[in-house]
Amino acid sequence: MSTKVKSKRKKHPGTQDWYWHIHHRVLAEKMVDGRTGAANRRKFIKDSKLPEERPTRLKLLKPIKNTKLFRELFPRGLDALDANNQAKHSTNLSPAAQRKLEKLHKSQCKRCPWDGHTIFP
């Protein structure tokens, strides 16, 4: 007989399903279907994008880490940023939240070519 013990540690509402650079002109987006969606997106990039863009796109497509900095900047998580809880991607954020997201991005996505508008400047 096995009994499961639930963790008493609170889970932070956070980055689950949020990724950097799903599309080249959007800094952060909520991935449809989570990890399955990420695998599908990688396959799509390999099959459909320009060969010279593929390495950059694949390197930069990664989940947003739920770090201490993330929790400090977004205590209620990314899903809570929009008053209507409709923040599907970072273009829907307020200017203040966008600045915070840019700060988080710089800490997680080193040597990224993102110029504030695209990963292909």
C-alpha atoms as a PDB file:
ATOM      1  CA  MET A   1       0.000   0.000   0.000  1.00  0.00           C
ATOM      2  CA  SER A   2       1.461   3.307  -1.002  1.00  0.00           C
ATOM      3  CA  THR A   3       0.430   6.678   0.272  1.00  0.00           C
ATOM      4  CA  LYS A   4       1.236   9.836  -1.563  1.00  0.00           C
ATOM      5  CA  VAL A   5       2.418  12.736   0.494  1.00  0.00           C
ATOM      6  CA  LYS A   6       1.502  16.122  -0.861  1.00  0.00           C
ATOM      7  CA  SER A   7       4.181  18.742  -0.772  1.00  0.00           C
ATOM      8  CA  LYS A   8       3.489  21.499   1.726  1.00  0.00           C
ATOM      9  CA  ARG A   9       5.544  23.873  -0.382  1.00  0.00           C
ATOM     10  CA  LYS A  10       3.389  26.374  -2.231  1.00  0.00           C
ATOM     11  CA  LYS A  11       3.722  26.363  -5.969  1.00  0.00           C
ATOM     12  CA  HIS A  12       4.371  29.749  -7.452  1.00  0.00           C
ATOM     13  CA  PRO A  13       1.946  30.767 -10.186  1.00  0.00           C
ATOM     14  CA  GLY A  14       4.458  31.406 -12.799  1.00  0.00           C
ATOM     15  CA  THR A  15       6.068  30.503 -15.982  1.00  0.00           C
ATOM     16  CA  GLN A  16       4.445  27.220 -16.846  1.00  0.00           C
ATOM     17  CA  ASP A  17       3.915  27.209 -20.613  1.00  0.00           C
ATOM     18  CA  TRP A  18       5.588  30.620 -21.100  1.00  0.00           C
ATOM     19  CA  TYR A  19       8.494  30.705 -23.546  1.00  0.00           C
ATOM     20  CA  TRP A  20      10.990  33.199 -24.904  1.00  0.00           C
ATOM     21  CA  HIS A  21      10.933  33.866 -28.659  1.00  0.00           C
ATOM     22  CA  ILE A  22       8.229  31.547 -29.979  1.00  0.00           C
ATOM     23  CA  HIS A  23       7.905  34.062 -32.801  1.00  0.00           C
ATOM     24  CA  HIS A  24      10.696  36.386 -33.877  1.00  0.00           C
ATOM     25  CA  ARG A  25       8.801  39.608 -33.133  1.00  0.00           C
ATOM     26  CA  VAL A  26       7.391  38.645 -29.723  1.00  0.00           C
ATOM     27  CA  LEU A  27       9.625  38.477 -26.645  1.00  0.00           C
ATOM     28  CA  ALA A  28       7.494  36.098 -24.543  1.00  0.00           C
ATOM     29  CA  GLU A  29       4.373  34.083 -25.283  1.00  0.00           C
ATOM     30  CA  LYS A  30       2.248  31.424 -23.721  1.00  0.00           C
ATOM     31  CA  MET A  31       2.898  28.174 -25.577  1.00  0.00           C
ATOM     32  CA  VAL A  32      -0.188  26.342 -26.756  1.00  0.00           C
ATOM     33  CA  ASP A  33      -0.095  22.769 -25.408  1.00  0.00           C
ATOM     34  CA  GLY A  34       2.992  23.352 -23.229  1.00  0.00           C
ATOM     35  CA  ARG A  35       5.922  21.001 -23.923  1.00  0.00           C
ATOM     36  CA  THR A  36       4.097  19.263 -26.755  1.00  0.00           C
ATOM     37  CA  GLY A  37       3.592  22.644 -28.362  1.00  0.00           C
ATOM     38  CA  ALA A  38       7.289  23.457 -27.962  1.00  0.00           C
ATOM     39  CA  ALA A  39       8.266  20.202 -29.672  1.00  0.00           C
ATOM     40  CA  ASN A  40       5.825  20.950 -32.471  1.00  0.00           C
ATOM     41  CA  ARG A  41       7.194  24.482 -32.807  1.00  0.00           C
ATOM     42  CA  ARG A  42      10.786  23.196 -33.041  1.00  0.00           C
ATOM     43  CA  LYS A  43       9.727  20.735 -35.744  1.00  0.00           C
ATOM     44  CA  PHE A  44       7.955  23.538 -37.629  1.00  0.00           C
ATOM     45  CA  ILE A  45      11.091  25.719 -37.452  1.00  0.00           C
ATOM     46  CA  LYS A  46      13.262  22.876 -38.781  1.00  0.00           C
ATOM     47  CA  ASP A  47      10.819  22.084 -41.583  1.00  0.00           C
ATOM     48  CA  SER A  48       9.568  25.523 -42.622  1.00  0.00           C
ATOM     49  CA  LYS A  49      11.826  28.418 -41.679  1.00  0.00           C
ATOM     50  CA  LEU A  50      14.724  29.772 -43.711  1.00  0.00           C
ATOM     51  CA  PRO A  51      17.863  27.670 -43.195  1.00  0.00           C
ATOM     52  CA  GLU A  52      19.879  30.694 -42.048  1.00  0.00           C
ATOM     53  CA  GLU A  53      17.265  31.517 -39.363  1.00  0.00           C
ATOM     54  CA  ARG A  54      16.913  28.025 -37.916  1.00  0.00           C
ATOM     55  CA  PRO A  55      19.907  27.975 -35.530  1.00  0.00           C
ATOM     56  CA  THR A  56      18.933  31.320 -33.969  1.00  0.00           C
ATOM     57  CA  ARG A  57      15.272  30.427 -33.635  1.00  0.00           C
ATOM     58  CA  LEU A  58      15.997  27.013 -32.101  1.00  0.00           C
ATOM     59  CA  LYS A  59      18.616  28.387 -29.699  1.00  0.00           C
ATOM     60  CA  LEU A  60      16.348  31.160 -28.405  1.00  0.00           C
ATOM     61  CA  LEU A  61      13.115  29.147 -28.081  1.00  0.00           C
ATOM     62  CA  LYS A  62      13.195  28.158 -24.416  1.00  0.00           C
ATOM     63  CA  PRO A  63      10.903  28.171 -21.387  1.00  0.00           C
ATOM     64  CA  ILE A  64      10.963  31.124 -19.044  1.00  0.00           C
ATOM     65  CA  LYS A  65      12.583  29.982 -15.804  1.00  0.00           C
ATOM     66  CA  ASN A  66      10.724  30.477 -12.555  1.00  0.00           C
ATOM     67  CA  THR A  67      13.641  32.146 -10.787  1.00  0.00           C
ATOM     68  CA  LYS A  68      13.913  34.365  -7.736  1.00  0.00           C
ATOM     69  CA  LEU A  69      14.117  37.392 -10.051  1.00  0.00           C
ATOM     70  CA  PHE A  70      10.957  36.242 -11.834  1.00  0.00           C
ATOM     71  CA  ARG A  71       9.105  35.940  -8.520  1.00  0.00           C
ATOM     72  CA  GLU A  72      10.313  39.380  -7.439  1.00  0.00           C
ATOM     73  CA  LEU A  73       9.265  41.021 -10.692  1.00  0.00           C
ATOM     74  CA  PHE A  74       6.001  39.116 -11.127  1.00  0.00           C
ATOM     75  CA  PRO A  75       4.751  37.967  -7.696  1.00  0.00           C
ATOM     76  CA  ARG A  76       1.416  36.783  -9.125  1.00  0.00           C
ATOM     77  CA  GLY A  77       2.905  35.205 -12.254  1.00  0.00           C
ATOM     78  CA  LEU A  78       2.708  36.209 -15.895  1.00  0.00           C
ATOM     79  CA  ASP A  79      -0.873  35.039 -16.275  1.00  0.00           C
ATOM     80  CA  ALA A  80      -1.967  37.654 -13.735  1.00  0.00           C
ATOM     81  CA  LEU A  81      -0.349  40.605 -15.501  1.00  0.00           C
ATOM     82  CA  ASP A  82      -3.365  41.473 -17.573  1.00  0.00           C
ATOM     83  CA  ALA A  83      -6.423  42.720 -15.656  1.00  0.00           C
ATOM     84  CA  ASN A  84      -8.649  40.378 -17.689  1.00  0.00           C
ATOM     85  CA  ASN A  85      -6.137  37.519 -17.396  1.00  0.00           C
ATOM     86  CA  GLN A  86      -5.830  37.546 -21.171  1.00  0.00           C
ATOM     87  CA  ALA A  87      -2.066  38.100 -21.471  1.00  0.00           C
ATOM     88  CA  LYS A  88      -1.348  35.564 -24.192  1.00  0.00           C
ATOM     89  CA  HIS A  89       1.908  37.224 -25.136  1.00  0.00           C
ATOM     90  CA  SER A  90       4.119  40.064 -24.051  1.00  0.00           C
ATOM     91  CA  THR A  91       2.726  42.599 -26.526  1.00  0.00           C
ATOM     92  CA  ASN A  92      -0.375  42.848 -24.292  1.00  0.00           C
ATOM     93  CA  LEU A  93       1.608  44.025 -21.253  1.00  0.00           C
ATOM     94  CA  SER A  94       1.630  47.459 -19.703  1.00  0.00           C
ATOM     95  CA  PRO A  95       4.832  49.485 -20.290  1.00  0.00           C
ATOM     96  CA  ALA A  96       5.937  48.878 -16.672  1.00  0.00           C
ATOM     97  CA  ALA A  97       5.381  45.118 -16.947  1.00  0.00           C
ATOM     98  CA  GLN A  98       7.148  45.112 -20.324  1.00  0.00           C
ATOM     99  CA  ARG A  99      10.225  46.759 -18.752  1.00  0.00           C
ATOM    100  CA  LYS A 100      10.230  44.135 -16.000  1.00  0.00           C
ATOM    101  CA  LEU A 101       9.970  41.374 -18.590  1.00  0.00           C
ATOM    102  CA  GLU A 102      12.897  42.880 -20.536  1.00  0.00           C
ATOM    103  CA  LYS A 103      14.961  42.831 -17.330  1.00  0.00           C
ATOM    104  CA  LEU A 104      14.076  39.192 -16.718  1.00  0.00           C
ATOM    105  CA  HIS A 105      14.862  38.376 -20.338  1.00  0.00           C
ATOM    106  CA  LYS A 106      18.349  39.867 -20.071  1.00  0.00           C
ATOM    107  CA  SER A 107      19.041  37.669 -17.052  1.00  0.00           C
ATOM    108  CA  GLN A 108      17.835  34.451 -18.745  1.00  0.00           C
ATOM    109  CA  CYS A 109      18.658  34.861 -22.412  1.00  0.00           C
ATOM    110  CA  LYS A 110      22.350  35.746 -22.554  1.00  0.00           C
ATOM    111  CA  ARG A 111      23.858  37.027 -25.828  1.00  0.00           C
ATOM    112  CA  CYS A 112      20.390  37.302 -27.347  1.00  0.00           C
ATOM    113  CA  PRO A 113      20.047  39.491 -30.459  1.00  0.00           C
ATOM    114  CA  TRP A 114      16.622  40.809 -29.303  1.00  0.00           C
ATOM    115  CA  ASP A 115      16.554  44.566 -30.009  1.00  0.00           C
ATOM    116  CA  GLY A 116      13.178  45.308 -28.446  1.00  0.00           C
ATOM    117  CA  HIS A 117      11.289  44.390 -31.621  1.00  0.00           C
ATOM    118  CA  THR A 118      12.805  41.272 -33.184  1.00  0.00           C
ATOM    119  CA  ILE A 119      15.509  38.613 -32.881  1.00  0.00           C
ATOM    120  CA  PHE A 120      16.576  39.422 -36.443  1.00  0.00           C
ATOM    121  CA  PRO A 121      17.629  43.104 -36.317  1.00  0.00           C
END
